[in-house]
């Protein structure tokens, strides 16, 4: 492999392979050698590669606003929140962009709840050495 990673922070030990296409659960290198994708991405859904229904859905979404701020009403977000609340029995839903953001929000909600219950120093159990995203928390 001739690609250089000298400009990237060495966060991961990289495998000496580069993929140029994907189909279903298979990835292919520049020599068209197939690899079963048992890794997917880190912290993302394993949706496979080039699935026709997923490609169609993404294509349809590209005709609409691609990203909107949570500062505006997003009907699909409202509908999904209502469905999640109905399924879970909860009153509210919170959408976030990453596990790191989810963990940060959980810590803030714990602090809010503790404050409301007059708990001055709430305790949170965590796992040592676990990956919770790239935050100080």
N, C-alpha and C. Protein backbone atom coordinates (compact mmCIF):
# COMPACT_ATOMS: atom_id res chain seq x y z
N UNK A 1 0.84 -1.17 0.00
CA UNK A 1 0.00 0.00 0.00
C UNK A 1 0.89 1.24 0.00
N UNK A 2 0.54 2.20 -0.83
CA UNK A 2 1.39 3.37 -0.97
C UNK A 2 0.84 4.60 -0.28
N UNK A 3 -0.30 4.49 0.36
CA UNK A 3 -0.87 5.66 1.02
C UNK A 3 -0.10 5.99 2.29
N UNK A 4 0.11 7.27 2.49
CA UNK A 4 0.79 7.74 3.68
C UNK A 4 -0.22 8.28 4.67
N UNK A 5 -0.03 7.98 5.94
CA UNK A 5 -0.91 8.52 6.98
C UNK A 5 -0.14 9.45 7.90
N UNK A 6 0.90 10.07 7.39
CA UNK A 6 1.73 10.92 8.23
C UNK A 6 1.01 12.18 8.70
N UNK A 7 -0.08 12.58 8.06
CA UNK A 7 -0.81 13.78 8.47
C UNK A 7 -1.99 13.46 9.37
N UNK A 8 -2.16 12.19 9.70
CA UNK A 8 -3.25 11.79 10.58
C UNK A 8 -2.72 11.49 11.98
N UNK A 9 -3.47 11.89 12.98
CA UNK A 9 -3.09 11.52 14.34
C UNK A 9 -3.13 10.00 14.46
N UNK A 10 -2.17 9.40 15.13
CA UNK A 10 -2.12 7.94 15.23
C UNK A 10 -3.08 7.41 16.31
N UNK A 11 -4.38 7.55 16.05
CA UNK A 11 -5.38 7.10 17.02
C UNK A 11 -5.61 5.60 16.96
N UNK A 12 -5.41 5.00 15.81
CA UNK A 12 -5.64 3.58 15.62
C UNK A 12 -4.45 2.97 14.91
N UNK A 13 -4.20 1.70 15.18
CA UNK A 13 -3.25 0.95 14.37
C UNK A 13 -4.01 0.54 13.12
N UNK A 14 -3.58 1.02 11.98
CA UNK A 14 -4.32 0.78 10.75
C UNK A 14 -3.87 -0.50 10.06
N UNK A 15 -4.86 -1.20 9.51
CA UNK A 15 -4.56 -2.36 8.69
C UNK A 15 -4.02 -1.87 7.36
N UNK A 16 -3.13 -2.62 6.75
CA UNK A 16 -2.51 -2.22 5.49
C UNK A 16 -3.42 -2.60 4.32
N UNK A 17 -4.62 -2.05 4.33
CA UNK A 17 -5.57 -2.31 3.25
C UNK A 17 -6.40 -1.05 3.04
N UNK A 18 -6.78 -0.80 1.80
CA UNK A 18 -7.63 0.33 1.46
C UNK A 18 -8.78 -0.20 0.60
N UNK A 19 -10.00 0.14 0.98
CA UNK A 19 -11.16 -0.37 0.26
C UNK A 19 -11.64 0.65 -0.76
N UNK A 20 -12.00 0.17 -1.94
CA UNK A 20 -12.45 1.06 -3.00
C UNK A 20 -13.93 0.89 -3.33
N UNK A 21 -14.54 -0.22 -2.89
CA UNK A 21 -15.98 -0.38 -3.11
C UNK A 21 -16.54 -1.35 -2.09
N UNK A 22 -17.84 -1.31 -1.92
CA UNK A 22 -18.52 -2.21 -1.02
C UNK A 22 -19.84 -2.65 -1.59
N UNK A 23 -20.20 -3.91 -1.35
CA UNK A 23 -21.49 -4.45 -1.78
C UNK A 23 -21.99 -5.37 -0.68
N UNK A 24 -23.11 -5.01 -0.08
CA UNK A 24 -23.65 -5.83 1.00
C UNK A 24 -22.68 -5.91 2.15
N UNK A 25 -22.31 -7.12 2.56
CA UNK A 25 -21.38 -7.31 3.68
C UNK A 25 -19.93 -7.40 3.20
N UNK A 26 -19.70 -7.18 1.91
CA UNK A 26 -18.35 -7.34 1.34
C UNK A 26 -17.72 -6.01 0.99
N UNK A 27 -16.43 -5.90 1.30
CA UNK A 27 -15.60 -4.77 0.89
C UNK A 27 -14.56 -5.29 -0.07
N UNK A 28 -14.11 -4.44 -0.99
CA UNK A 28 -13.13 -4.85 -2.00
C UNK A 28 -11.98 -3.86 -2.02
N UNK A 29 -10.75 -4.41 -2.09
CA UNK A 29 -9.58 -3.55 -2.17
C UNK A 29 -9.29 -3.17 -3.62
N UNK A 30 -8.20 -2.44 -3.82
CA UNK A 30 -7.87 -1.96 -5.17
C UNK A 30 -7.58 -3.09 -6.15
N UNK A 31 -7.32 -4.30 -5.66
CA UNK A 31 -7.10 -5.47 -6.52
C UNK A 31 -8.36 -6.32 -6.65
N UNK A 32 -9.48 -5.79 -6.20
CA UNK A 32 -10.78 -6.46 -6.23
C UNK A 32 -10.83 -7.70 -5.34
N UNK A 33 -9.94 -7.77 -4.35
CA UNK A 33 -9.96 -8.85 -3.38
C UNK A 33 -11.09 -8.60 -2.39
N UNK A 34 -11.99 -9.59 -2.18
CA UNK A 34 -13.11 -9.39 -1.26
C UNK A 34 -12.71 -9.60 0.20
N UNK A 35 -13.32 -8.81 1.08
CA UNK A 35 -13.16 -8.94 2.52
C UNK A 35 -14.54 -8.90 3.14
N UNK A 36 -14.84 -9.83 4.03
CA UNK A 36 -16.09 -9.79 4.78
C UNK A 36 -16.00 -8.65 5.78
N UNK A 37 -16.95 -7.73 5.77
CA UNK A 37 -16.90 -6.56 6.64
C UNK A 37 -17.47 -6.91 8.02
N UNK A 38 -16.59 -7.38 8.89
CA UNK A 38 -16.99 -7.69 10.26
C UNK A 38 -16.62 -6.55 11.21
N UNK A 39 -16.10 -5.46 10.69
CA UNK A 39 -15.68 -4.34 11.51
C UNK A 39 -16.68 -3.20 11.44
N UNK A 40 -17.21 -2.90 10.28
CA UNK A 40 -18.07 -1.77 10.04
C UNK A 40 -17.31 -0.51 10.44
N UNK A 41 -18.01 0.49 10.90
CA UNK A 41 -17.35 1.70 11.39
C UNK A 41 -17.34 1.66 12.90
N UNK A 42 -16.58 2.52 13.50
CA UNK A 42 -16.57 2.60 14.96
C UNK A 42 -17.71 3.51 15.40
N UNK A 43 -18.60 2.98 16.18
CA UNK A 43 -19.69 3.78 16.71
C UNK A 43 -20.76 4.12 15.69
N UNK A 44 -20.90 3.32 14.66
CA UNK A 44 -21.94 3.57 13.66
C UNK A 44 -22.72 2.29 13.40
N UNK A 45 -23.82 2.43 12.72
CA UNK A 45 -24.64 1.28 12.37
C UNK A 45 -23.98 0.47 11.26
N UNK A 46 -24.09 -0.83 11.35
CA UNK A 46 -23.59 -1.71 10.30
C UNK A 46 -24.71 -1.92 9.30
N UNK A 47 -24.78 -1.06 8.30
CA UNK A 47 -25.86 -1.10 7.33
C UNK A 47 -25.47 -1.84 6.05
N UNK A 48 -24.25 -2.31 5.98
CA UNK A 48 -23.80 -2.93 4.73
C UNK A 48 -23.40 -1.85 3.74
N UNK A 49 -23.18 -2.28 2.51
CA UNK A 49 -22.69 -1.35 1.49
C UNK A 49 -23.51 -1.48 0.22
N UNK A 50 -23.90 -0.35 -0.34
CA UNK A 50 -24.58 -0.26 -1.64
C UNK A 50 -25.89 -1.02 -1.71
N UNK A 51 -26.61 -1.14 -0.60
CA UNK A 51 -27.91 -1.80 -0.63
C UNK A 51 -28.89 -0.93 -1.43
N UNK A 52 -29.59 -1.51 -2.40
CA UNK A 52 -30.46 -0.70 -3.27
C UNK A 52 -31.50 0.14 -2.52
N UNK A 53 -32.12 -0.40 -1.49
CA UNK A 53 -33.13 0.37 -0.75
C UNK A 53 -32.50 1.53 0.02
N UNK A 54 -31.33 1.28 0.60
CA UNK A 54 -30.64 2.34 1.33
C UNK A 54 -30.18 3.43 0.36
N UNK A 55 -29.64 3.03 -0.79
CA UNK A 55 -29.19 4.00 -1.79
C UNK A 55 -30.37 4.84 -2.29
N UNK A 56 -31.53 4.20 -2.49
CA UNK A 56 -32.72 4.92 -2.93
C UNK A 56 -33.15 5.93 -1.87
N UNK A 57 -33.18 5.50 -0.59
CA UNK A 57 -33.59 6.39 0.50
C UNK A 57 -32.64 7.58 0.62
N UNK A 58 -31.33 7.32 0.51
CA UNK A 58 -30.36 8.42 0.58
C UNK A 58 -30.53 9.35 -0.61
N UNK A 59 -30.75 8.77 -1.80
CA UNK A 59 -30.98 9.59 -2.99
C UNK A 59 -32.19 10.49 -2.84
N UNK A 60 -33.28 9.97 -2.26
CA UNK A 60 -34.47 10.77 -2.03
C UNK A 60 -34.19 11.88 -1.03
N UNK A 61 -33.43 11.56 0.02
CA UNK A 61 -33.13 12.57 1.04
C UNK A 61 -32.27 13.68 0.46
N UNK A 62 -31.42 13.36 -0.50
CA UNK A 62 -30.56 14.39 -1.10
C UNK A 62 -31.37 15.45 -1.83
N UNK A 63 -32.62 15.17 -2.16
CA UNK A 63 -33.49 16.15 -2.81
C UNK A 63 -34.13 17.09 -1.80
N UNK A 64 -33.94 16.80 -0.52
CA UNK A 64 -34.53 17.58 0.56
C UNK A 64 -33.39 18.20 1.38
N UNK A 65 -33.72 19.03 2.35
CA UNK A 65 -32.64 19.57 3.19
C UNK A 65 -31.84 18.42 3.82
N UNK A 66 -30.54 18.47 3.65
CA UNK A 66 -29.67 17.38 4.11
C UNK A 66 -29.48 17.42 5.62
N UNK A 67 -29.36 18.61 6.17
CA UNK A 67 -29.17 18.74 7.61
C UNK A 67 -29.84 20.02 8.07
N UNK A 68 -30.57 19.92 9.15
CA UNK A 68 -31.21 21.09 9.73
C UNK A 68 -30.84 21.19 11.20
N UNK A 69 -30.82 22.38 11.70
CA UNK A 69 -30.56 22.61 13.11
C UNK A 69 -31.75 22.15 13.93
N UNK A 70 -31.47 21.70 15.15
CA UNK A 70 -32.56 21.38 16.07
C UNK A 70 -33.31 22.63 16.50
N UNK A 71 -32.88 23.79 16.03
CA UNK A 71 -33.56 25.04 16.34
C UNK A 71 -34.80 25.27 15.50
N UNK A 72 -35.10 24.37 14.57
CA UNK A 72 -36.31 24.47 13.75
C UNK A 72 -37.10 23.18 13.89
N UNK A 73 -38.37 23.23 13.54
CA UNK A 73 -39.22 22.05 13.60
C UNK A 73 -38.89 21.14 12.41
N UNK A 74 -38.61 19.89 12.71
CA UNK A 74 -38.31 18.88 11.69
C UNK A 74 -39.38 17.80 11.83
N UNK A 75 -40.36 17.77 10.91
CA UNK A 75 -41.47 16.84 11.06
C UNK A 75 -41.06 15.38 11.25
N UNK A 76 -40.06 14.91 10.52
CA UNK A 76 -39.62 13.52 10.66
C UNK A 76 -39.06 13.26 12.06
N UNK A 77 -38.36 14.24 12.60
CA UNK A 77 -37.81 14.11 13.94
C UNK A 77 -38.94 14.06 14.97
N UNK A 78 -39.95 14.91 14.78
CA UNK A 78 -41.11 14.92 15.68
C UNK A 78 -41.83 13.57 15.62
N UNK A 79 -42.01 13.03 14.42
CA UNK A 79 -42.70 11.74 14.26
C UNK A 79 -41.91 10.61 14.91
N UNK A 80 -40.60 10.59 14.71
CA UNK A 80 -39.78 9.55 15.31
C UNK A 80 -39.79 9.66 16.83
N UNK A 81 -39.71 10.87 17.36
CA UNK A 81 -39.74 11.06 18.81
C UNK A 81 -41.06 10.53 19.38
N UNK A 82 -42.16 10.83 18.71
CA UNK A 82 -43.47 10.36 19.19
C UNK A 82 -43.52 8.83 19.18
N UNK A 83 -42.98 8.24 18.12
CA UNK A 83 -43.00 6.77 18.04
C UNK A 83 -42.12 6.15 19.12
N UNK A 84 -40.92 6.70 19.33
CA UNK A 84 -40.03 6.19 20.37
C UNK A 84 -40.66 6.31 21.75
N UNK A 85 -41.31 7.43 22.01
CA UNK A 85 -41.96 7.62 23.32
C UNK A 85 -43.09 6.62 23.49
N UNK A 86 -43.87 6.39 22.44
CA UNK A 86 -44.97 5.42 22.53
C UNK A 86 -44.44 4.02 22.79
N UNK A 87 -43.35 3.64 22.14
CA UNK A 87 -42.78 2.31 22.31
C UNK A 87 -42.10 2.13 23.66
N UNK A 88 -41.48 3.20 24.16
CA UNK A 88 -40.69 3.08 25.40
C UNK A 88 -41.48 3.42 26.66
N UNK A 89 -42.60 4.09 26.51
CA UNK A 89 -43.35 4.54 27.68
C UNK A 89 -42.78 5.81 28.29
N UNK A 90 -41.80 6.42 27.63
CA UNK A 90 -41.20 7.66 28.12
C UNK A 90 -41.99 8.86 27.59
N UNK A 91 -41.73 10.02 28.17
CA UNK A 91 -42.42 11.23 27.76
C UNK A 91 -41.65 12.05 26.73
N UNK A 92 -40.34 11.94 26.73
CA UNK A 92 -39.50 12.76 25.87
C UNK A 92 -38.41 11.92 25.23
N UNK A 93 -37.93 12.38 24.08
CA UNK A 93 -36.81 11.74 23.39
C UNK A 93 -35.72 12.79 23.17
N UNK A 94 -34.49 12.34 23.15
CA UNK A 94 -33.35 13.23 22.90
C UNK A 94 -32.50 12.61 21.81
N UNK A 95 -32.30 13.32 20.72
CA UNK A 95 -31.47 12.84 19.63
C UNK A 95 -30.11 13.52 19.71
N UNK A 96 -29.07 12.74 19.48
CA UNK A 96 -27.74 13.32 19.48
C UNK A 96 -26.92 12.69 18.37
N UNK A 97 -25.73 13.23 18.17
CA UNK A 97 -24.91 12.87 17.02
C UNK A 97 -23.91 11.75 17.29
N UNK A 98 -23.65 11.45 18.55
CA UNK A 98 -22.60 10.48 18.83
C UNK A 98 -22.78 9.90 20.22
N UNK A 99 -22.05 8.82 20.48
CA UNK A 99 -22.04 8.25 21.82
C UNK A 99 -21.45 9.22 22.82
N UNK A 100 -20.45 9.98 22.40
CA UNK A 100 -19.85 10.96 23.30
C UNK A 100 -20.90 12.00 23.71
N UNK A 101 -21.68 12.47 22.76
CA UNK A 101 -22.72 13.45 23.08
C UNK A 101 -23.80 12.82 23.96
N UNK A 102 -24.12 11.56 23.70
CA UNK A 102 -25.12 10.86 24.52
C UNK A 102 -24.64 10.74 25.97
N UNK A 103 -23.37 10.39 26.15
CA UNK A 103 -22.82 10.28 27.50
C UNK A 103 -22.78 11.63 28.20
N UNK A 104 -22.39 12.66 27.49
CA UNK A 104 -22.38 14.00 28.08
C UNK A 104 -23.79 14.40 28.50
N UNK A 105 -24.77 14.13 27.66
CA UNK A 105 -26.15 14.47 27.99
C UNK A 105 -26.62 13.67 29.20
N UNK A 106 -26.26 12.39 29.26
CA UNK A 106 -26.65 11.56 30.41
C UNK A 106 -26.08 12.13 31.70
N UNK A 107 -24.82 12.57 31.68
CA UNK A 107 -24.22 13.15 32.88
C UNK A 107 -24.95 14.43 33.30
N UNK A 108 -25.32 15.24 32.32
CA UNK A 108 -26.04 16.48 32.64
C UNK A 108 -27.42 16.17 33.20
N UNK A 109 -28.09 15.17 32.65
CA UNK A 109 -29.42 14.80 33.16
C UNK A 109 -29.32 14.22 34.57
N UNK A 110 -28.26 13.47 34.84
CA UNK A 110 -28.04 12.95 36.20
C UNK A 110 -27.87 14.11 37.17
N UNK A 111 -27.06 15.08 36.79
CA UNK A 111 -26.84 16.24 37.66
C UNK A 111 -28.14 17.02 37.88
N UNK A 112 -28.94 17.19 36.82
CA UNK A 112 -30.21 17.90 36.95
C UNK A 112 -31.14 17.15 37.90
N UNK A 113 -31.28 15.84 37.68
CA UNK A 113 -32.15 15.04 38.54
C UNK A 113 -31.67 15.09 39.99
N UNK A 114 -30.39 14.93 40.19
CA UNK A 114 -29.84 14.97 41.56
C UNK A 114 -30.14 16.31 42.21
N UNK A 115 -29.94 17.40 41.47
CA UNK A 115 -30.22 18.73 42.01
C UNK A 115 -31.69 18.84 42.41
N UNK A 116 -32.59 18.32 41.57
CA UNK A 116 -34.02 18.38 41.87
C UNK A 116 -34.38 17.55 43.11
N UNK A 117 -33.57 16.52 43.39
CA UNK A 117 -33.82 15.65 44.54
C UNK A 117 -32.99 16.06 45.76
N UNK A 118 -32.32 17.22 45.68
CA UNK A 118 -31.45 17.73 46.74
C UNK A 118 -30.30 16.77 47.04
N UNK A 119 -29.81 16.10 46.03
CA UNK A 119 -28.62 15.25 46.17
C UNK A 119 -27.43 16.11 45.75
N UNK A 120 -26.56 16.41 46.69
CA UNK A 120 -25.47 17.34 46.43
C UNK A 120 -24.36 16.74 45.58
N UNK A 121 -24.03 15.48 45.81
CA UNK A 121 -22.93 14.85 45.09
C UNK A 121 -23.39 13.50 44.52
N UNK A 122 -24.06 13.52 43.38
CA UNK A 122 -24.52 12.26 42.79
C UNK A 122 -23.32 11.40 42.37
N UNK A 123 -23.49 10.10 42.46
CA UNK A 123 -22.42 9.18 42.07
C UNK A 123 -22.82 8.49 40.77
N UNK A 124 -21.86 8.36 39.89
CA UNK A 124 -22.06 7.72 38.60
C UNK A 124 -21.07 6.58 38.48
N UNK A 125 -21.55 5.41 38.12
CA UNK A 125 -20.67 4.26 37.92
C UNK A 125 -20.22 4.23 36.47
N UNK A 126 -18.92 4.02 36.25
CA UNK A 126 -18.37 3.94 34.90
C UNK A 126 -17.43 2.74 34.83
N UNK A 127 -17.09 2.34 33.63
CA UNK A 127 -16.14 1.26 33.41
C UNK A 127 -14.77 1.83 33.13
N UNK A 128 -13.76 1.33 33.80
CA UNK A 128 -12.40 1.77 33.52
C UNK A 128 -11.94 1.19 32.20
N UNK A 129 -11.28 2.01 31.40
CA UNK A 129 -10.73 1.55 30.13
C UNK A 129 -11.75 1.43 29.02
N UNK A 130 -13.01 1.77 29.28
CA UNK A 130 -14.04 1.71 28.26
C UNK A 130 -13.96 2.95 27.38
N UNK A 131 -14.37 2.81 26.13
CA UNK A 131 -14.34 3.95 25.21
C UNK A 131 -15.69 4.63 25.21
N UNK A 132 -15.73 5.88 25.61
CA UNK A 132 -16.97 6.63 25.66
C UNK A 132 -16.90 7.85 24.74
N UNK A 133 -16.03 7.82 23.77
CA UNK A 133 -15.88 8.98 22.90
C UNK A 133 -14.69 9.82 23.35
N UNK A 134 -14.39 10.80 22.56
CA UNK A 134 -13.22 11.63 22.83
C UNK A 134 -13.59 12.88 23.60
N UNK A 135 -14.02 12.69 24.82
CA UNK A 135 -14.34 13.81 25.70
C UNK A 135 -13.56 13.64 26.99
N UNK A 136 -13.47 14.69 27.76
CA UNK A 136 -12.81 14.58 29.05
C UNK A 136 -13.63 13.79 30.05
N UNK A 137 -14.95 13.76 29.87
CA UNK A 137 -15.80 13.02 30.78
C UNK A 137 -15.56 11.53 30.61
